[in-house]
Amino acid sequence: MMEREELYDFLVQNEIYPYFSKKGNVYFKSSKKIPVLKEFSLNIIKEFSLNSKEKCDNLREEIKKGIEKRRKNIPIKNWVKEERPREMLIEKVPEKMPISKLLAIILRTGYSGMSAEELGKFLLNKYGSLRGIDNAPVDELLKIKGFGISKIAQLKAAFEIGKRLAREEIKKMKKIRSPEDVIEYVKNYFSFYLRDKEKEFFYIILLDVKNKPIDNIIISLGSIDATIVDPKEIIKYATLKSASSVILIHNHPSGDVEPSKDDIDITNRVRESLEIINIKLLDHIIIGKNPDDFFSFSRKGLINK
């Protein structure tokens, strides 16, 4: 049986707090799962004479003080000014800041025993990269201590802003002149959204007479193995938007960007259908998983055969 001092250390270490119910019963709360708590609860109640709300309240305060003493990190607000993430971002060169400090600014707070920057480092170690953090499911993030809906929303919003900034810049492209221009457009507009999808997404880019993109439209969402694409749907959108040319885009969840027989067949079917109404198929781009994994039908001579 643990002595009073050992019991106190046990409560502090596991952040266990006593409460007194309206019915006169003592119960305990902790953010951690403590399998042995039940077997120690009676001993804790006895050693600390927890027979009233006041005594439970007093012990909770003592436990909070003990937790603060055990903290190995100093809160960010108490760091020297030169090391505080926000001050560094404003007063120094942002691109030279460690990713963990940038994440700390987004996360804003950590929790007892871990600063926001340490929480950022934990995320990087757990998921391996910013891309890994971006793709982490919400229900998985919720299982991490210190994360609630608010903090997760902050993270997701920051990543989404980054993606939209890339789209905003690429929209300024005045004209698509080559397969390289097509890939550059697709890389900034679609790649961030499609490269980690587990299903195939099929989009079209509609262009005007000067080869300037005027719209991006999703045509279909398929299974993990294939996407069903109807040329009539593509013709419908192209005519409604008065497009002069079209580019096809889709992702390969496998990561292999080599076109399948179905990919080649649908490309030829769409090209032939568009030719009937004098609309040109400029290219078909397949997106893989890595930043530079793209396959251009035009660059490989598979469009105008």
Protein backbone atom coordinates (compact mmCIF):
# COMPACT_ATOMS: atom_id res chain seq x y z
CA MET A 1 0.00 0.00 0.00
CA MET A 2 1.37 3.42 -0.99
CA GLU A 3 2.10 6.05 1.63
CA ARG A 4 0.59 9.55 1.52
CA GLU A 5 3.60 11.10 -0.28
CA GLU A 6 3.60 8.32 -2.87
CA LEU A 7 -0.13 8.74 -3.42
CA TYR A 8 0.33 12.48 -3.93
CA ASP A 9 3.08 11.83 -6.50
CA PHE A 10 0.79 9.33 -8.20
CA LEU A 11 -2.00 11.93 -8.45
CA VAL A 12 0.35 14.62 -9.77
CA GLN A 13 2.14 12.39 -12.26
CA ASN A 14 -1.12 11.18 -13.77
CA GLU A 15 -2.96 14.50 -13.39
CA ILE A 16 -5.76 12.92 -11.36
CA TYR A 17 -8.21 15.26 -9.65
CA PRO A 18 -10.72 14.40 -6.85
CA TYR A 19 -14.32 15.66 -6.92
CA PHE A 20 -17.14 15.52 -4.39
CA SER A 21 -20.57 14.67 -5.80
CA LYS A 22 -23.92 16.06 -4.63
CA LYS A 23 -24.67 12.65 -3.18
CA GLY A 24 -21.59 12.80 -0.97
CA ASN A 25 -19.38 10.46 -3.01
CA VAL A 26 -15.78 11.04 -4.03
CA TYR A 27 -14.81 10.37 -7.66
CA PHE A 28 -11.72 11.08 -9.75
CA LYS A 29 -11.06 12.58 -13.18
CA SER A 30 -7.98 12.40 -15.36
CA SER A 31 -7.22 13.08 -19.04
CA LYS A 32 -5.19 9.86 -19.01
CA LYS A 33 -6.34 6.28 -18.80
CA ILE A 34 -5.15 4.95 -15.45
CA PRO A 35 -5.97 1.21 -15.14
CA VAL A 36 -4.81 1.06 -11.49
CA LEU A 37 -6.75 4.14 -10.32
CA LYS A 38 -9.70 2.13 -9.05
CA GLU A 39 -7.61 -0.01 -6.72
CA PHE A 40 -5.94 3.09 -5.21
CA SER A 41 -9.06 5.26 -4.93
CA LEU A 42 -10.13 4.06 -1.46
CA ASN A 43 -6.61 4.49 -0.14
CA ILE A 44 -6.44 8.03 -1.56
CA ILE A 45 -9.78 8.97 0.01
CA LYS A 46 -8.64 7.63 3.38
CA GLU A 47 -5.13 9.15 3.39
CA PHE A 48 -6.35 12.63 2.41
CA SER A 49 -9.57 12.46 4.47
CA LEU A 50 -11.67 13.35 1.42
CA ASN A 51 -14.99 13.59 3.23
CA SER A 52 -16.13 16.98 1.94
CA LYS A 53 -16.22 19.17 -1.15
CA GLU A 54 -13.81 21.62 0.46
CA LYS A 55 -11.16 18.95 1.03
CA CYS A 56 -11.49 17.71 -2.54
CA ASP A 57 -11.17 21.29 -3.81
CA ASN A 58 -8.08 21.89 -1.67
CA LEU A 59 -6.39 18.69 -2.85
CA ARG A 60 -7.13 19.60 -6.48
CA GLU A 61 -5.34 22.90 -5.99
CA GLU A 62 -2.36 21.13 -4.44
CA ILE A 63 -2.23 18.69 -7.35
CA LYS A 64 -2.28 21.59 -9.84
CA LYS A 65 0.64 23.21 -8.04
CA GLY A 66 2.51 19.91 -8.08
CA ILE A 67 1.95 19.52 -11.81
CA GLU A 68 3.32 23.00 -12.47
CA LYS A 69 6.45 22.21 -10.44
CA ARG A 70 6.98 19.04 -12.45
CA ARG A 71 6.77 20.83 -15.77
CA LYS A 72 10.09 20.53 -17.55
CA ASN A 73 9.33 23.24 -20.09
CA ILE A 74 8.88 26.94 -19.52
CA PRO A 75 5.73 28.43 -21.08
CA ILE A 76 6.49 30.18 -24.39
CA LYS A 77 5.33 33.52 -22.98
CA ASN A 78 8.22 33.25 -20.47
CA TRP A 79 10.89 32.44 -23.09
CA VAL A 80 13.50 35.04 -23.97
CA LYS A 81 11.99 37.34 -26.59
CA GLU A 82 14.40 36.25 -29.35
CA GLU A 83 13.14 32.65 -29.11
CA ARG A 84 9.39 33.30 -29.02
CA PRO A 85 7.82 32.09 -32.29
CA ARG A 86 5.54 35.10 -32.85
CA GLU A 87 8.29 37.64 -32.24
CA MET A 88 10.65 35.69 -34.51
CA LEU A 89 8.07 35.66 -37.31
CA ILE A 90 7.53 39.41 -37.13
CA GLU A 91 11.10 40.55 -36.51
CA LYS A 92 13.14 38.01 -38.51
CA VAL A 93 13.01 36.28 -41.90
CA PRO A 94 9.96 33.92 -41.80
CA GLU A 95 11.38 31.46 -44.35
CA LYS A 96 14.31 30.74 -42.03
CA MET A 97 12.12 29.81 -39.06
CA PRO A 98 11.95 26.14 -38.00
CA ILE A 99 8.69 24.46 -38.98
CA SER A 100 8.01 23.63 -35.32
CA LYS A 101 7.93 27.34 -34.46
CA LEU A 102 5.56 28.10 -37.35
CA LEU A 103 3.30 25.29 -36.15
CA ALA A 104 3.47 26.72 -32.62
CA ILE A 105 2.02 30.01 -33.88
CA ILE A 106 -0.87 28.15 -35.53
CA LEU A 107 -1.51 25.85 -32.55
CA ARG A 108 -1.21 28.80 -30.11
CA THR A 109 -1.16 26.65 -26.96
CA GLY A 110 0.14 23.31 -25.79
CA TYR A 111 -0.94 21.66 -22.56
CA SER A 112 0.44 21.07 -19.10
CA GLY A 113 3.93 19.66 -19.63
CA MET A 114 4.24 20.45 -23.34
CA SER A 115 4.54 23.83 -25.07
CA ALA A 116 2.95 24.62 -28.43
CA GLU A 117 6.36 24.29 -30.13
CA GLU A 118 6.96 20.88 -28.55
CA LEU A 119 3.49 19.85 -29.69
CA GLY A 120 4.46 20.96 -33.20
CA LYS A 121 7.62 18.84 -33.03
CA PHE A 122 5.56 15.88 -31.85
CA LEU A 123 3.29 16.21 -34.90
CA LEU A 124 6.26 16.38 -37.27
CA ASN A 125 7.84 13.30 -35.71
CA LYS A 126 4.55 11.40 -35.74
CA TYR A 127 3.55 12.20 -39.34
CA GLY A 128 6.96 12.80 -40.89
CA SER A 129 6.18 16.00 -42.77
CA LEU A 130 3.74 18.88 -43.21
CA ARG A 131 2.07 16.82 -45.92
CA GLY A 132 1.60 13.98 -43.46
CA ILE A 133 0.06 16.33 -40.89
CA ASP A 134 -2.22 17.82 -43.56
CA ASN A 135 -3.51 14.36 -44.48
CA ALA A 136 -4.02 13.20 -40.89
CA PRO A 137 -7.72 12.36 -40.30
CA VAL A 138 -9.58 14.50 -37.79
CA ASP A 139 -10.61 11.48 -35.69
CA GLU A 140 -6.95 10.46 -35.43
CA LEU A 141 -5.81 13.95 -34.40
CA LEU A 142 -8.49 14.03 -31.71
CA LYS A 143 -6.76 11.09 -30.02
CA ILE A 144 -3.60 13.16 -29.47
CA LYS A 145 -3.39 14.82 -26.07
CA GLY A 146 -3.79 18.57 -26.30
CA PHE A 147 -5.88 18.44 -29.48
CA GLY A 148 -9.51 19.42 -29.67
CA ILE A 149 -11.74 20.52 -32.54
CA SER A 150 -10.58 24.13 -32.26
CA LYS A 151 -6.86 23.33 -32.59
CA ILE A 152 -7.48 20.88 -35.44
CA ALA A 153 -9.59 23.49 -37.26
CA GLN A 154 -6.72 25.99 -36.93
CA LEU A 155 -4.32 23.49 -38.50
CA LYS A 156 -6.64 22.51 -41.34
CA ALA A 157 -7.42 26.16 -42.09
CA ALA A 158 -3.71 27.03 -42.30
CA PHE A 159 -3.03 24.21 -44.76
CA GLU A 160 -6.06 25.16 -46.86
CA ILE A 161 -4.90 28.79 -47.03
CA GLY A 162 -1.52 27.57 -48.32
CA LYS A 163 -3.19 25.54 -51.07
CA ARG A 164 -5.42 28.42 -52.08
CA LEU A 165 -2.44 30.77 -52.21
CA ALA A 166 -0.83 28.42 -54.76
CA ARG A 167 -4.08 28.39 -56.76
CA GLU A 168 -4.34 32.16 -56.58
CA GLU A 169 -0.88 32.56 -58.06
CA ILE A 170 -1.35 30.03 -60.86
CA LYS A 171 -4.63 31.66 -61.89
CA LYS A 172 -2.54 34.63 -63.02
CA MET A 173 -1.07 32.48 -65.82
CA LYS A 174 -2.11 34.36 -68.96
CA LYS A 175 -1.64 31.58 -71.48
CA ILE A 176 -0.83 27.87 -71.62
CA ARG A 177 1.70 27.42 -74.41
CA SER A 178 3.23 23.98 -73.82
CA PRO A 179 2.92 20.67 -71.93
CA GLU A 180 5.28 22.19 -69.33
CA ASP A 181 2.81 25.05 -68.79
CA VAL A 182 0.00 22.51 -68.40
CA ILE A 183 1.97 20.59 -65.78
CA GLU A 184 2.83 23.82 -63.92
CA TYR A 185 -0.86 24.74 -63.80
CA VAL A 186 -1.95 21.27 -62.69
CA LYS A 187 0.84 21.10 -60.10
CA ASN A 188 -0.33 24.26 -58.35
CA TYR A 189 -4.07 23.96 -58.86
CA PHE A 190 -4.78 20.24 -58.47
CA SER A 191 -1.80 18.33 -57.10
CA PHE A 192 -2.13 19.39 -53.43
CA TYR A 193 -5.73 18.16 -53.43
CA LEU A 194 -5.44 14.97 -55.49
CA ARG A 195 -2.07 13.34 -54.92
CA ASP A 196 -3.06 11.63 -51.65
CA LYS A 197 -6.65 10.71 -52.54
CA GLU A 198 -7.59 7.03 -52.30
CA LYS A 199 -10.06 7.32 -55.18
CA GLU A 200 -9.71 8.63 -58.72
CA PHE A 201 -10.95 12.14 -59.43
CA PHE A 202 -11.43 13.24 -63.02
CA TYR A 203 -11.39 16.98 -63.84
CA ILE A 204 -11.36 19.10 -66.96
CA ILE A 205 -9.74 22.49 -67.53
CA LEU A 206 -11.62 24.64 -70.01
CA LEU A 207 -9.65 27.22 -72.00
CA ASP A 208 -10.61 30.18 -74.17
CA VAL A 209 -9.37 31.03 -77.70
CA LYS A 210 -6.11 32.38 -76.23
CA ASN A 211 -5.49 29.18 -74.26
CA LYS A 212 -6.21 30.93 -70.96
CA PRO A 213 -7.96 28.72 -68.34
CA ILE A 214 -11.54 29.87 -67.75
CA ASP A 215 -12.86 27.10 -65.51
CA ASN A 216 -11.99 23.84 -63.73
CA ILE A 217 -14.76 21.28 -63.41
CA ILE A 218 -14.96 17.87 -61.74
CA ILE A 219 -16.47 15.30 -64.10
CA SER A 220 -16.48 12.17 -61.98
CA LEU A 221 -15.32 10.48 -58.80
CA GLY A 222 -14.53 6.82 -59.26
CA SER A 223 -13.54 3.81 -57.22
CA ILE A 224 -9.98 3.11 -56.19
CA ASP A 225 -9.53 1.19 -59.47
CA ALA A 226 -11.27 3.19 -62.17
CA THR A 227 -13.17 6.31 -63.09
CA ILE A 228 -16.16 6.39 -65.41
CA VAL A 229 -15.97 9.35 -67.76
CA ASP A 230 -18.74 10.28 -70.21
CA PRO A 231 -17.52 12.40 -73.18
CA LYS A 232 -21.02 13.90 -73.46
CA GLU A 233 -20.58 15.51 -70.03
CA ILE A 234 -17.32 17.09 -71.14
CA ILE A 235 -18.92 18.40 -74.33
CA LYS A 236 -21.81 19.85 -72.32
CA TYR A 237 -19.54 21.89 -70.04
CA ALA A 238 -17.24 22.92 -72.88
CA THR A 239 -20.10 24.30 -74.95
CA LEU A 240 -21.78 26.00 -71.99
CA LYS A 241 -18.54 27.85 -71.21
CA SER A 242 -17.75 28.51 -74.91
CA ALA A 243 -14.39 26.76 -74.48
CA SER A 244 -12.01 26.47 -77.43
CA SER A 245 -9.91 23.70 -75.90
CA VAL A 246 -9.90 21.23 -73.04
CA ILE A 247 -7.32 19.57 -70.79
CA LEU A 248 -8.12 16.32 -68.93
CA ILE A 249 -6.81 15.74 -65.40
CA HIS A 250 -7.01 12.70 -63.15
CA ASN A 251 -5.03 11.09 -60.34
CA HIS A 252 -3.72 7.57 -59.87
CA PRO A 253 -4.13 6.52 -56.21
CA SER A 254 -1.44 3.87 -56.75
CA GLY A 255 1.11 6.59 -57.46
CA ASP A 256 2.12 5.04 -60.79
CA VAL A 257 1.53 7.68 -63.45
CA GLU A 258 1.87 5.40 -66.46
CA PRO A 259 -1.45 5.45 -68.37
CA SER A 260 -3.58 2.32 -68.43
CA LYS A 261 -5.35 1.04 -71.52
CA ASP A 262 -8.55 2.62 -70.15
CA ASP A 263 -6.77 5.96 -69.78
CA ILE A 264 -5.63 5.86 -73.41
CA ASP A 265 -9.05 4.73 -74.64
CA ILE A 266 -10.96 7.49 -72.82
CA THR A 267 -8.46 10.08 -74.06
CA ASN A 268 -9.04 9.03 -77.66
CA ARG A 269 -12.82 8.93 -77.19
CA VAL A 270 -12.90 12.43 -75.70
CA ARG A 271 -10.56 13.79 -78.38
CA GLU A 272 -12.70 12.36 -81.17
CA SER A 273 -15.92 13.65 -79.57
CA LEU A 274 -14.53 17.15 -79.13
CA GLU A 275 -13.26 17.28 -82.72
CA ILE A 276 -16.85 16.95 -83.96
CA ILE A 277 -17.69 20.35 -82.41
CA ASN A 278 -14.29 21.92 -83.27
CA ILE A 279 -12.93 21.91 -79.71
CA LYS A 280 -9.34 20.79 -79.27
CA LEU A 281 -8.05 18.40 -76.62
CA LEU A 282 -4.72 19.94 -75.58
CA ASP A 283 -3.51 17.37 -73.06
CA HIS A 284 -4.36 14.72 -70.50
CA ILE A 285 -2.34 14.85 -67.26
CA ILE A 286 -2.09 11.98 -64.77
CA ILE A 287 -1.09 12.98 -61.23
CA GLY A 288 0.97 10.67 -59.01
CA LYS A 289 1.87 10.92 -55.34
CA ASN A 290 5.17 12.79 -55.43
CA PRO A 291 5.54 16.51 -56.27
CA ASP A 292 7.08 15.83 -59.69
CA ASP A 293 5.08 12.73 -60.66
CA PHE A 294 3.08 13.74 -63.73
CA PHE A 295 2.37 12.09 -67.06
CA SER A 296 1.55 14.32 -70.06
CA PHE A 297 -0.14 12.63 -73.02
CA SER A 298 0.84 15.58 -75.21
CA ARG A 299 4.50 15.44 -74.23
CA LYS A 300 4.53 11.73 -75.04
CA GLY A 301 2.83 12.27 -78.39
CA LEU A 302 -0.37 10.44 -77.40
CA ILE A 303 -2.85 13.22 -78.20
CA ASN A 304 -2.51 13.93 -81.92
CA LYS A 305 -1.87 10.42 -83.20
